[in-house]
PDB file of all heavy atoms in Angstrom:
ATOM      1  N   ALA A   1      50.978 104.898  67.434  1.00  0.00           N
ATOM      2  CA  ALA A   1      50.439 106.248  67.588  1.00  0.00           C
ATOM      3  C   ALA A   1      51.244 107.265  66.794  1.00  0.00           C
ATOM      4  O   ALA A   1      50.697 108.203  66.206  1.00  0.00           O
ATOM      5  CB  ALA A   1      50.404 106.642  69.063  1.00  0.00           C
ATOM      6  N   SER A   2      52.575 107.074  66.737  1.00  0.00           N
ATOM      7  CA  SER A   2      53.431 108.054  66.072  1.00  0.00           C
ATOM      8  C   SER A   2      53.984 107.566  64.742  1.00  0.00           C
ATOM      9  O   SER A   2      54.466 108.350  63.928  1.00  0.00           O
ATOM     10  CB  SER A   2      54.617 108.409  66.994  1.00  0.00           C
ATOM     11  OG  SER A   2      55.412 107.254  67.229  1.00  0.00           O
ATOM     12  N   GLY A   3      53.937 106.254  64.528  1.00  0.00           N
ATOM     13  CA  GLY A   3      54.534 105.685  63.324  1.00  0.00           C
ATOM     14  C   GLY A   3      56.026 105.462  63.451  1.00  0.00           C
ATOM     15  O   GLY A   3      56.673 104.988  62.516  1.00  0.00           O
ATOM     16  N   GLU A   4      56.604 105.813  64.626  1.00  0.00           N
ATOM     17  CA  GLU A   4      58.036 105.622  64.846  1.00  0.00           C
ATOM     18  C   GLU A   4      58.360 104.128  64.844  1.00  0.00           C
ATOM     19  O   GLU A   4      57.641 103.323  65.431  1.00  0.00           O
ATOM     20  CB  GLU A   4      58.438 106.229  66.193  1.00  0.00           C
ATOM     21  CG  GLU A   4      59.911 106.043  66.522  1.00  0.00           C
ATOM     22  CD  GLU A   4      60.248 106.530  67.918  1.00  0.00           C
ATOM     23  OE1 GLU A   4      59.342 107.080  68.596  1.00  0.00           O
ATOM     24  OE2 GLU A   4      61.416 106.346  68.336  1.00  0.00           O
ATOM     25  N   GLN A   5      59.461 103.773  64.197  1.00  0.00           N
ATOM     26  CA  GLN A   5      59.884 102.378  64.133  1.00  0.00           C
ATOM     27  C   GLN A   5      61.143 102.181  64.967  1.00  0.00           C
ATOM     28  O   GLN A   5      62.123 102.924  64.839  1.00  0.00           O
ATOM     29  CB  GLN A   5      60.121 101.947  62.695  1.00  0.00           C
ATOM     30  CG  GLN A   5      58.841 101.913  61.862  1.00  0.00           C
ATOM     31  CD  GLN A   5      59.008 101.183  60.549  1.00  0.00           C
ATOM     32  OE1 GLN A   5      60.132 100.965  60.082  1.00  0.00           O
ATOM     33  NE2 GLN A   5      57.881 100.797  59.944  1.00  0.00           N
ATOM     34  N   LEU A   6      61.075 101.181  65.832  1.00  0.00           N
ATOM     35  CA  LEU A   6      62.198 100.851  66.701  1.00  0.00           C
ATOM     36  C   LEU A   6      62.889  99.608  66.183  1.00  0.00           C
ATOM     37  O   LEU A   6      62.230  98.588  65.932  1.00  0.00           O
ATOM     38  CB  LEU A   6      61.702 100.596  68.134  1.00  0.00           C
ATOM     39  CG  LEU A   6      60.915 101.716  68.819  1.00  0.00           C
ATOM     40  CD1 LEU A   6      60.441 101.258  70.178  1.00  0.00           C
ATOM     41  CD2 LEU A   6      61.775 102.979  68.934  1.00  0.00           C
ATOM     42  N   ARG A   7      64.206  99.692  66.001  1.00  0.00           N
ATOM     43  CA  ARG A   7      64.968  98.505  65.594  1.00  0.00           C
ATOM     44  C   ARG A   7      65.510  97.853  66.860  1.00  0.00           C
ATOM     45  O   ARG A   7      66.188  98.493  67.662  1.00  0.00           O
ATOM     46  CB  ARG A   7      66.109  98.878  64.652  1.00  0.00           C
ATOM     47  CG  ARG A   7      66.889  97.654  64.162  1.00  0.00           C
ATOM     48  CD  ARG A   7      67.956  98.005  63.147  1.00  0.00           C
ATOM     49  NE  ARG A   7      68.655  96.804  62.731  1.00  0.00           N
ATOM     50  CZ  ARG A   7      68.233  95.973  61.776  1.00  0.00           C
ATOM     51  NH1 ARG A   7      67.092  96.244  61.139  1.00  0.00           N
ATOM     52  NH2 ARG A   7      68.934  94.898  61.465  1.00  0.00           N
ATOM     53  N   LEU A   8      65.180  96.582  67.026  1.00  0.00           N
ATOM     54  CA  LEU A   8      65.558  95.852  68.228  1.00  0.00           C
ATOM     55  C   LEU A   8      66.557  94.772  67.879  1.00  0.00           C
ATOM     56  O   LEU A   8      66.343  93.983  66.955  1.00  0.00           O
ATOM     57  CB  LEU A   8      64.315  95.214  68.872  1.00  0.00           C
ATOM     58  CG  LEU A   8      63.129  96.145  69.144  1.00  0.00           C
ATOM     59  CD1 LEU A   8      61.940  95.336  69.645  1.00  0.00           C
ATOM     60  CD2 LEU A   8      63.512  97.220  70.144  1.00  0.00           C
ATOM     61  N   ASP A   9      67.641  94.746  68.596  1.00  0.00           N
ATOM     62  CA  ASP A   9      68.646  93.700  68.430  1.00  0.00           C
ATOM     63  C   ASP A   9      68.938  93.120  69.808  1.00  0.00           C
ATOM     64  O   ASP A   9      69.199  93.869  70.773  1.00  0.00           O
ATOM     65  CB  ASP A   9      69.931  94.261  67.826  1.00  0.00           C
ATOM     66  CG  ASP A   9      69.716  94.781  66.409  1.00  0.00           C
ATOM     67  OD1 ASP A   9      69.387  93.959  65.520  1.00  0.00           O
ATOM     68  OD2 ASP A   9      69.861  96.007  66.215  1.00  0.00           O
ATOM     69  N   ALA A  10      68.858  91.777  69.895  1.00  0.00           N
ATOM     70  CA  ALA A  10      69.091  91.151  71.199  1.00  0.00           C
ATOM     71  C   ALA A  10      69.516  89.706  71.004  1.00  0.00           C
ATOM     72  O   ALA A  10      69.338  89.120  69.926  1.00  0.00           O
ATOM     73  CB  ALA A  10      67.816  91.217  72.050  1.00  0.00           C
ATOM     74  N   GLU A  11      70.100  89.157  72.073  1.00  0.00           N
ATOM     75  CA  GLU A  11      70.496  87.765  72.060  1.00  0.00           C
ATOM     76  C   GLU A  11      69.745  87.015  73.167  1.00  0.00           C
ATOM     77  O   GLU A  11      69.314  87.594  74.158  1.00  0.00           O
ATOM     78  CB  GLU A  11      72.003  87.624  72.286  1.00  0.00           C
ATOM     79  CG  GLU A  11      72.855  88.134  71.148  1.00  0.00           C
ATOM     80  CD  GLU A  11      74.331  87.849  71.368  1.00  0.00           C
ATOM     81  OE1 GLU A  11      74.672  87.295  72.450  1.00  0.00           O
ATOM     82  OE2 GLU A  11      75.141  88.169  70.493  1.00  0.00           O
ATOM     83  N   GLY A  12      69.638  85.687  72.964  1.00  0.00           N
ATOM     84  CA  GLY A  12      69.007  84.833  73.971  1.00  0.00           C
ATOM     85  C   GLY A  12      69.158  83.387  73.576  1.00  0.00           C
ATOM     86  O   GLY A  12      69.737  83.066  72.538  1.00  0.00           O
ATOM     87  N   ASN A  13      68.613  82.510  74.418  1.00  0.00           N
ATOM     88  CA  ASN A  13      68.716  81.088  74.100  1.00  0.00           C
ATOM     89  C   ASN A  13      67.568  80.620  73.213  1.00  0.00           C
ATOM     90  O   ASN A  13      67.261  79.439  73.139  1.00  0.00           O
ATOM     91  CB  ASN A  13      68.781  80.237  75.371  1.00  0.00           C
ATOM     92  CG  ASN A  13      67.535  80.417  76.242  1.00  0.00           C
ATOM     93  OD1 ASN A  13      66.624  81.173  75.891  1.00  0.00           O
ATOM     94  ND2 ASN A  13      67.503  79.730  77.368  1.00  0.00           N
ATOM     95  N   GLY A  14      66.945  81.537  72.531  1.00  0.00           N
ATOM     96  CA  GLY A  14      65.864  81.260  71.603  1.00  0.00           C
ATOM     97  C   GLY A  14      65.214  82.570  71.215  1.00  0.00           C
ATOM     98  O   GLY A  14      65.457  83.613  71.843  1.00  0.00           O
ATOM     99  N   PRO A  15      64.369  82.579  70.192  1.00  0.00           N
ATOM    100  CA  PRO A  15      63.786  83.842  69.735  1.00  0.00           C
ATOM    101  C   PRO A  15      62.889  84.500  70.770  1.00  0.00           C
ATOM    102  O   PRO A  15      62.863  85.733  70.864  1.00  0.00           O
ATOM    103  CB  PRO A  15      63.002  83.436  68.488  1.00  0.00           C
ATOM    104  CG  PRO A  15      62.788  81.967  68.616  1.00  0.00           C
ATOM    105  CD  PRO A  15      63.978  81.445  69.342  1.00  0.00           C
ATOM    106  N   ILE A  16      62.173  83.707  71.549  1.00  0.00           N
ATOM    107  CA  ILE A  16      61.280  84.296  72.550  1.00  0.00           C
ATOM    108  C   ILE A  16      62.102  84.984  73.637  1.00  0.00           C
ATOM    109  O   ILE A  16      61.813  86.135  74.021  1.00  0.00           O
ATOM    110  CB  ILE A  16      60.359  83.221  73.152  1.00  0.00           C
ATOM    111  CG1 ILE A  16      59.388  82.713  72.087  1.00  0.00           C
ATOM    112  CG2 ILE A  16      59.602  83.767  74.353  1.00  0.00           C
ATOM    113  CD1 ILE A  16      58.484  81.600  72.562  1.00  0.00           C
ATOM    114  N   ALA A  17      63.138  84.284  74.115  1.00  0.00           N
ATOM    115  CA  ALA A  17      63.979  84.881  75.155  1.00  0.00           C
ATOM    116  C   ALA A  17      64.665  86.139  74.643  1.00  0.00           C
ATOM    117  O   ALA A  17      64.779  87.150  75.357  1.00  0.00           O
ATOM    118  CB  ALA A  17      65.017  83.856  75.622  1.00  0.00           C
ATOM    119  N   ALA A  18      65.134  86.112  73.389  1.00  0.00           N
ATOM    120  CA  ALA A  18      65.790  87.285  72.822  1.00  0.00           C
ATOM    121  C   ALA A  18      64.808  88.452  72.695  1.00  0.00           C
ATOM    122  O   ALA A  18      65.150  89.602  72.991  1.00  0.00           O
ATOM    123  CB  ALA A  18      66.361  86.931  71.448  1.00  0.00           C
ATOM    124  N   PHE A  19      63.585  88.160  72.293  1.00  0.00           N
ATOM    125  CA  PHE A  19      62.599  89.225  72.132  1.00  0.00           C
ATOM    126  C   PHE A  19      62.235  89.835  73.477  1.00  0.00           C
ATOM    127  O   PHE A  19      62.069  91.059  73.602  1.00  0.00           O
ATOM    128  CB  PHE A  19      61.358  88.665  71.435  1.00  0.00           C
ATOM    129  CG  PHE A  19      60.374  89.724  71.009  1.00  0.00           C
ATOM    130  CD1 PHE A  19      60.679  90.608  69.985  1.00  0.00           C
ATOM    131  CD2 PHE A  19      59.149  89.851  71.633  1.00  0.00           C
ATOM    132  CE1 PHE A  19      59.782  91.586  69.577  1.00  0.00           C
ATOM    133  CE2 PHE A  19      58.237  90.824  71.237  1.00  0.00           C
ATOM    134  CZ  PHE A  19      58.553  91.692  70.204  1.00  0.00           C
ATOM    135  N   VAL A  20      62.102  89.008  74.512  1.00  0.00           N
ATOM    136  CA  VAL A  20      61.803  89.518  75.853  1.00  0.00           C
ATOM    137  C   VAL A  20      62.934  90.423  76.338  1.00  0.00           C
ATOM    138  O   VAL A  20      62.699  91.481  76.921  1.00  0.00           O
ATOM    139  CB  VAL A  20      61.559  88.351  76.831  1.00  0.00           C
ATOM    140  CG1 VAL A  20      61.544  88.851  78.274  1.00  0.00           C
ATOM    141  CG2 VAL A  20      60.244  87.646  76.500  1.00  0.00           C
ATOM    142  N   THR A  21      64.162  89.993  76.066  1.00  0.00           N
ATOM    143  CA  THR A  21      65.316  90.832  76.425  1.00  0.00           C
ATOM    144  C   THR A  21      65.230  92.190  75.734  1.00  0.00           C
ATOM    145  O   THR A  21      65.485  93.242  76.339  1.00  0.00           O
ATOM    146  CB  THR A  21      66.631  90.127  76.039  1.00  0.00           C
ATOM    147  OG1 THR A  21      66.729  88.893  76.749  1.00  0.00           O
ATOM    148  CG2 THR A  21      67.843  90.991  76.352  1.00  0.00           C
ATOM    149  N   ALA A  22      64.851  92.183  74.445  1.00  0.00           N
ATOM    150  CA  ALA A  22      64.716  93.435  73.704  1.00  0.00           C
ATOM    151  C   ALA A  22      63.614  94.298  74.289  1.00  0.00           C
ATOM    152  O   ALA A  22      63.758  95.528  74.388  1.00  0.00           O
ATOM    153  CB  ALA A  22      64.429  93.119  72.233  1.00  0.00           C
ATOM    154  N   MET A  23      62.498  93.693  74.692  1.00  0.00           N
ATOM    155  CA  MET A  23      61.402  94.467  75.280  1.00  0.00           C
ATOM    156  C   MET A  23      61.831  95.107  76.603  1.00  0.00           C
ATOM    157  O   MET A  23      61.495  96.263  76.884  1.00  0.00           O
ATOM    158  CB  MET A  23      60.188  93.550  75.522  1.00  0.00           C
ATOM    159  CG  MET A  23      59.472  93.089  74.266  1.00  0.00           C
ATOM    160  SD  MET A  23      58.781  94.474  73.316  1.00  0.00           S
ATOM    161  CE  MET A  23      60.061  94.715  72.100  1.00  0.00           C
ATOM    162  N   ASN A  24      62.555  94.347  77.404  1.00  0.00           N
ATOM    163  CA  ASN A  24      63.034  94.915  78.660  1.00  0.00           C
ATOM    164  C   ASN A  24      63.970  96.092  78.404  1.00  0.00           C
ATOM    165  O   ASN A  24      64.041  97.043  79.199  1.00  0.00           O
ATOM    166  CB  ASN A  24      63.744  93.837  79.483  1.00  0.00           C
ATOM    167  CG  ASN A  24      62.775  92.765  79.976  1.00  0.00           C
ATOM    168  OD1 ASN A  24      61.593  93.028  80.145  1.00  0.00           O
ATOM    169  ND2 ASN A  24      63.288  91.557  80.200  1.00  0.00           N
ATOM    170  N   GLY A  25      64.660  96.035  77.239  1.00  0.00           N
ATOM    171  CA  GLY A  25      65.582  97.111  76.899  1.00  0.00           C
ATOM    172  C   GLY A  25      64.891  98.405  76.552  1.00  0.00           C
ATOM    173  O   GLY A  25      65.512  99.474  76.599  1.00  0.00           O
ATOM    174  N   ILE A  26      63.607  98.359  76.180  1.00  0.00           N
ATOM    175  CA  ILE A  26      62.878  99.607  75.869  1.00  0.00           C
ATOM    176  C   ILE A  26      61.900  99.969  76.987  1.00  0.00           C
ATOM    177  O   ILE A  26      60.976 100.759  76.793  1.00  0.00           O
ATOM    178  CB  ILE A  26      62.125  99.495  74.522  1.00  0.00           C
ATOM    179  CG1 ILE A  26      61.076  98.393  74.558  1.00  0.00           C
ATOM    180  CG2 ILE A  26      63.106  99.274  73.382  1.00  0.00           C
ATOM    181  CD1 ILE A  26      60.157  98.390  73.334  1.00  0.00           C
ATOM    182  N   GLY A  27      62.095  99.351  78.165  1.00  0.00           N
ATOM    183  CA  GLY A  27      61.305  99.763  79.324  1.00  0.00           C
ATOM    184  C   GLY A  27      60.082  98.932  79.615  1.00  0.00           C
ATOM    185  O   GLY A  27      59.302  99.278  80.514  1.00  0.00           O
ATOM    186  N   GLU A  28      59.885  97.816  78.888  1.00  0.00           N
ATOM    187  CA  GLU A  28      58.755  96.939  79.181  1.00  0.00           C
ATOM    188  C   GLU A  28      59.237  95.801  80.077  1.00  0.00           C
ATOM    189  O   GLU A  28      60.182  95.091  79.737  1.00  0.00           O
ATOM    190  CB  GLU A  28      58.176  96.363  77.877  1.00  0.00           C
ATOM    191  CG  GLU A  28      57.645  97.401  76.928  1.00  0.00           C
ATOM    192  CD  GLU A  28      56.298  97.980  77.382  1.00  0.00           C
ATOM    193  OE1 GLU A  28      55.771  97.546  78.415  1.00  0.00           O
ATOM    194  OE2 GLU A  28      55.792  98.886  76.693  1.00  0.00           O
ATOM    195  N   ASP A  29      58.591  95.634  81.228  1.00  0.00           N
ATOM    196  CA  ASP A  29      58.957  94.568  82.157  1.00  0.00           C
ATOM    197  C   ASP A  29      58.115  93.331  81.812  1.00  0.00           C
ATOM    198  O   ASP A  29      56.968  93.206  82.234  1.00  0.00           O
ATOM    199  CB  ASP A  29      58.689  95.024  83.594  1.00  0.00           C
ATOM    200  CG  ASP A  29      59.186  94.008  84.617  1.00  0.00           C
ATOM    201  OD1 ASP A  29      59.904  93.073  84.222  1.00  0.00           O
ATOM    202  OD2 ASP A  29      58.810  94.146  85.799  1.00  0.00           O
ATOM    203  N   VAL A  30      58.683  92.413  81.002  1.00  0.00           N
ATOM    204  CA  VAL A  30      57.938  91.270  80.472  1.00  0.00           C
ATOM    205  C   VAL A  30      58.564  89.972  80.963  1.00  0.00           C
ATOM    206  O   VAL A  30      59.783  89.780  80.878  1.00  0.00           O
ATOM    207  CB  VAL A  30      57.935  91.284  78.924  1.00  0.00           C
ATOM    208  CG1 VAL A  30      57.176  90.074  78.379  1.00  0.00           C
ATOM    209  CG2 VAL A  30      57.325  92.580  78.403  1.00  0.00           C
ATOM    210  N   HIS A  31      57.704  89.070  81.474  1.00  0.00           N
ATOM    211  CA  HIS A  31      58.135  87.736  81.883  1.00  0.00           C
ATOM    212  C   HIS A  31      57.171  86.709  81.292  1.00  0.00           C
ATOM    213  O   HIS A  31      55.948  86.876  81.381  1.00  0.00           O
ATOM    214  CB  HIS A  31      58.154  87.599  83.409  1.00  0.00           C
ATOM    215  CG  HIS A  31      59.034  88.598  84.090  1.00  0.00           C
ATOM    216  ND1 HIS A  31      60.393  88.426  84.253  1.00  0.00           N
ATOM    217  CD2 HIS A  31      58.743  89.821  84.643  1.00  0.00           C
ATOM    218  CE1 HIS A  31      60.906  89.465  84.866  1.00  0.00           C
ATOM    219  NE2 HIS A  31      59.928  90.339  85.124  1.00  0.00           N
ATOM    220  N   ILE A  32      57.686  85.663  80.685  1.00  0.00           N
ATOM    221  CA  ILE A  32      56.857  84.616  80.077  1.00  0.00           C
ATOM    222  C   ILE A  32      56.503  83.576  81.136  1.00  0.00           C
ATOM    223  O   ILE A  32      57.399  82.998  81.770  1.00  0.00           O
ATOM    224  CB  ILE A  32      57.575  83.935  78.896  1.00  0.00           C
ATOM    225  CG1 ILE A  32      58.022  84.984  77.871  1.00  0.00           C
ATOM    226  CG2 ILE A  32      56.682  82.889  78.251  1.00  0.00           C
ATOM    227  CD1 ILE A  32      56.885  85.773  77.268  1.00  0.00           C
ATOM    228  N   LEU A  33      55.206  83.327  81.329  1.00  0.00           N
ATOM    229  CA  LEU A  33      54.739  82.347  82.309  1.00  0.00           C
ATOM    230  C   LEU A  33      54.325  81.024  81.667  1.00  0.00           C
ATOM    231  O   LEU A  33      54.442  79.968  82.286  1.00  0.00           O
ATOM    232  CB  LEU A  33      53.548  82.926  83.098  1.00  0.00           C
ATOM    233  CG  LEU A  33      53.789  84.272  83.772  1.00  0.00           C
ATOM    234  CD1 LEU A  33      52.512  84.750  84.456  1.00  0.00           C
ATOM    235  CD2 LEU A  33      54.938  84.178  84.759  1.00  0.00           C
ATOM    236  N   ASP A  34      53.811  81.086  80.446  1.00  0.00           N
ATOM    237  CA  ASP A  34      53.386  79.860  79.756  1.00  0.00           C
ATOM    238  C   ASP A  34      53.398  80.129  78.259  1.00  0.00           C
ATOM    239  O   ASP A  34      53.157  81.262  77.810  1.00  0.00           O
ATOM    240  CB  ASP A  34      51.975  79.439  80.200  1.00  0.00           C
ATOM    241  CG  ASP A  34      51.607  78.023  79.750  1.00  0.00           C
ATOM    242  OD1 ASP A  34      52.495  77.297  79.250  1.00  0.00           O
ATOM    243  OD2 ASP A  34      50.426  77.637  79.906  1.00  0.00           O
ATOM    244  N   TYR A  35      53.671  79.081  77.489  1.00  0.00           N
ATOM    245  CA  TYR A  35      53.684  79.208  76.038  1.00  0.00           C
ATOM    246  C   TYR A  35      53.178  77.907  75.420  1.00  0.00           C
ATOM    247  O   TYR A  35      53.598  76.819  75.804  1.00  0.00           O
ATOM    248  CB  TYR A  35      55.095  79.499  75.515  1.00  0.00           C
ATOM    249  CG  TYR A  35      55.199  79.434  73.999  1.00  0.00           C
ATOM    250  CD1 TYR A  35      54.746  80.498  73.221  1.00  0.00           C
ATOM    251  CD2 TYR A  35      55.722  78.312  73.359  1.00  0.00           C
ATOM    252  CE1 TYR A  35      54.826  80.443  71.835  1.00  0.00           C
ATOM    253  CE2 TYR A  35      55.811  78.249  71.984  1.00  0.00           C
ATOM    254  CZ  TYR A  35      55.347  79.321  71.221  1.00  0.00           C
ATOM    255  OH  TYR A  35      55.406  79.268  69.859  1.00  0.00           O
ATOM    256  N   GLN A  36      52.235  78.029  74.479  1.00  0.00           N
ATOM    257  CA  GLN A  36      51.730  76.858  73.751  1.00  0.00           C
ATOM    258  C   GLN A  36      51.484  77.262  72.302  1.00  0.00           C
ATOM    259  O   GLN A  36      51.200  78.437  72.012  1.00  0.00           O
ATOM    260  CB  GLN A  36      50.429  76.330  74.365  1.00  0.00           C
ATOM    261  CG  GLN A  36      50.586  75.814  75.793  1.00  0.00           C
ATOM    262  CD  GLN A  36      49.312  75.245  76.353  1.00  0.00           C
ATOM    263  OE1 GLN A  36      48.545  74.594  75.641  1.00  0.00           O
ATOM    264  NE2 GLN A  36      49.081  75.488  77.641  1.00  0.00           N
ATOM    265  N   GLU A  37      51.613  76.280  71.414  1.00  0.00           N
ATOM    266  CA  GLU A  37      51.362  76.554  70.008  1.00  0.00           C
ATOM    267  C   GLU A  37      50.790  75.307  69.346  1.00  0.00           C
ATOM    268  O   GLU A  37      50.938  74.191  69.845  1.00  0.00           O
ATOM    269  CB  GLU A  37      52.643  76.980  69.284  1.00  0.00           C
ATOM    270  CG  GLU A  37      53.684  75.864  69.201  1.00  0.00           C
ATOM    271  CD  GLU A  37      54.936  76.280  68.433  1.00  0.00           C
ATOM    272  OE1 GLU A  37      55.404  77.424  68.627  1.00  0.00           O
ATOM    273  OE2 GLU A  37      55.431  75.443  67.658  1.00  0.00           O
ATOM    274  N   HIS A  38      50.126  75.495  68.201  1.00  0.00           N
ATOM    275  CA  HIS A  38      49.633  74.367  67.407  1.00  0.00           C
ATOM    276  C   HIS A  38      49.349  74.852  65.989  1.00  0.00           C
ATOM    277  O   HIS A  38      49.130  76.057  65.752  1.00  0.00           O
ATOM    278  CB  HIS A  38      48.380  73.738  68.023  1.00  0.00           C
ATOM    279  CG  HIS A  38      47.195  74.667  68.047  1.00  0.00           C
ATOM    280  ND1 HIS A  38      46.352  74.846  66.970  1.00  0.00           N
ATOM    281  CD2 HIS A  38      46.712  75.477  69.037  1.00  0.00           C
ATOM    282  CE1 HIS A  38      45.411  75.707  67.296  1.00  0.00           C
ATOM    283  NE2 HIS A  38      45.595  76.119  68.535  1.00  0.00           N
ATOM    284  N   ALA A  39      49.352  73.912  65.064  1.00  0.00           N
ATOM    285  CA  ALA A  39      49.031  74.239  63.672  1.00  0.00           C
ATOM    286  C   ALA A  39      47.535  74.443  63.518  1.00  0.00           C
ATOM    287  O   ALA A  39      46.723  73.836  64.220  1.00  0.00           O
ATOM    288  CB  ALA A  39      49.512  73.133  62.743  1.00  0.00           C
ATOM    289  N   LEU A  40      47.152  75.279  62.590  1.00  0.00           N
ATOM    290  CA  LEU A  40      45.739  75.538  62.293  1.00  0.00           C
ATOM    291  C   LEU A  40      45.289  74.824  61.028  1.00  0.00           C
ATOM    292  O   LEU A  40      44.185  75.064  60.545  1.00  0.00           O
ATOM    293  CB  LEU A  40      45.496  77.044  62.145  1.00  0.00           C
ATOM    294  CG  LEU A  40      45.667  77.867  63.417  1.00  0.00           C
ATOM    295  CD1 LEU A  40      45.537  79.350  63.115  1.00  0.00           C
ATOM    296  CD2 LEU A  40      44.648  77.442  64.469  1.00  0.00           C
ATOM    297  N   GLY A  41      46.124  73.988  60.492  1.00  0.00           N
ATOM    298  CA  GLY A  41      45.784  73.243  59.287  1.00  0.00           C
ATOM    299  C   GLY A  41      46.866  72.231  58.989  1.00  0.00           C
ATOM    300  O   GLY A  41      47.713  71.927  59.847  1.00  0.00           O
ATOM    301  N   GLU A  42      46.836  71.704  57.786  1.00  0.00           N
ATOM    302  CA  GLU A  42      47.817  70.699  57.382  1.00  0.00           C
ATOM    303  C   GLU A  42      48.718  71.266  56.284  1.00  0.00           C
ATOM    304  O   GLU A  42      48.329  72.173  55.552  1.00  0.00           O
ATOM    305  CB  GLU A  42      47.101  69.450  56.891  1.00  0.00           C
ATOM    306  CG  GLU A  42      46.236  68.784  57.962  1.00  0.00           C
ATOM    307  CD  GLU A  42      45.494  67.581  57.434  1.00  0.00           C
ATOM    308  OE1 GLU A  42      45.606  67.306  56.217  1.00  0.00           O
ATOM    309  OE2 GLU A  42      44.788  66.917  58.217  1.00  0.00           O
ATOM    310  N   GLY A  43      49.907  70.721  56.184  1.00  0.00           N
ATOM    311  CA  GLY A  43      50.837  71.184  55.162  1.00  0.00           C
ATOM    312  C   GLY A  43      51.841  72.173  55.715  1.00  0.00           C
ATOM    313  O   GLY A  43      51.627  72.810  56.748  1.00  0.00           O
ATOM    314  N   LYS A  44      52.936  72.337  54.979  1.00  0.00           N
ATOM    315  CA  LYS A  44      54.023  73.189  55.467  1.00  0.00           C
ATOM    316  C   LYS A  44      53.659  74.669  55.476  1.00  0.00           C
ATOM    317  O   LYS A  44      54.269  75.470  56.191  1.00  0.00           O
ATOM    318  CB  LYS A  44      55.272  72.970  54.620  1.00  0.00           C
ATOM    319  CG  LYS A  44      55.105  73.360  53.150  1.00  0.00           C
ATOM    320  CD  LYS A  44      56.397  73.121  52.380  1.00  0.00           C
ATOM    321  CE  LYS A  44      56.253  73.544  50.912  1.00  0.00           C
ATOM    322  NZ  LYS A  44      57.510  73.336  50.161  1.00  0.00           N
ATOM    323  N   ASP A  45      52.672  75.069  54.676  1.00  0.00           N
ATOM    324  CA  ASP A  45      52.284  76.477  54.627  1.00  0.00           C
ATOM    325  C   ASP A  45      51.111  76.801  55.548  1.00  0.00           C
ATOM    326  O   ASP A  45      50.583  77.912  55.525  1.00  0.00           O
ATOM    327  CB  ASP A  45      51.920  76.866  53.188  1.00  0.00           C
ATOM    328  CG  ASP A  45      53.124  76.786  52.263  1.00  0.00           C
ATOM    329  OD1 ASP A  45      54.247  77.073  52.736  1.00  0.00           O
ATOM    330  OD2 ASP A  45      52.943  76.443  51.072  1.00  0.00           O
ATOM    331  N   ALA A  46      50.679  75.819  56.342  1.00  0.00           N
ATOM    332  CA  ALA A  46      49.545  76.053  57.236  1.00  0.00           C
ATOM    333  C   ALA A  46      49.940  77.047  58.319  1.00  0.00           C
ATOM    334  O   ALA A  46      51.053  76.986  58.856  1.00  0.00           O
ATOM    335  CB  ALA A  46      49.091  74.743  57.851  1.00  0.00           C
TER     336      ALA A  46
END
């Protein structure tokens, strides 16, 4: 809405945990309940 950019720095036992920690630091109460991922194609650039 404002174009303001927030620089977030945080630590964790992985990027997701670190990002959640950063979100909590700016007032967002975030908890991860489930996570899944998969490739959408073949090859290293998929």
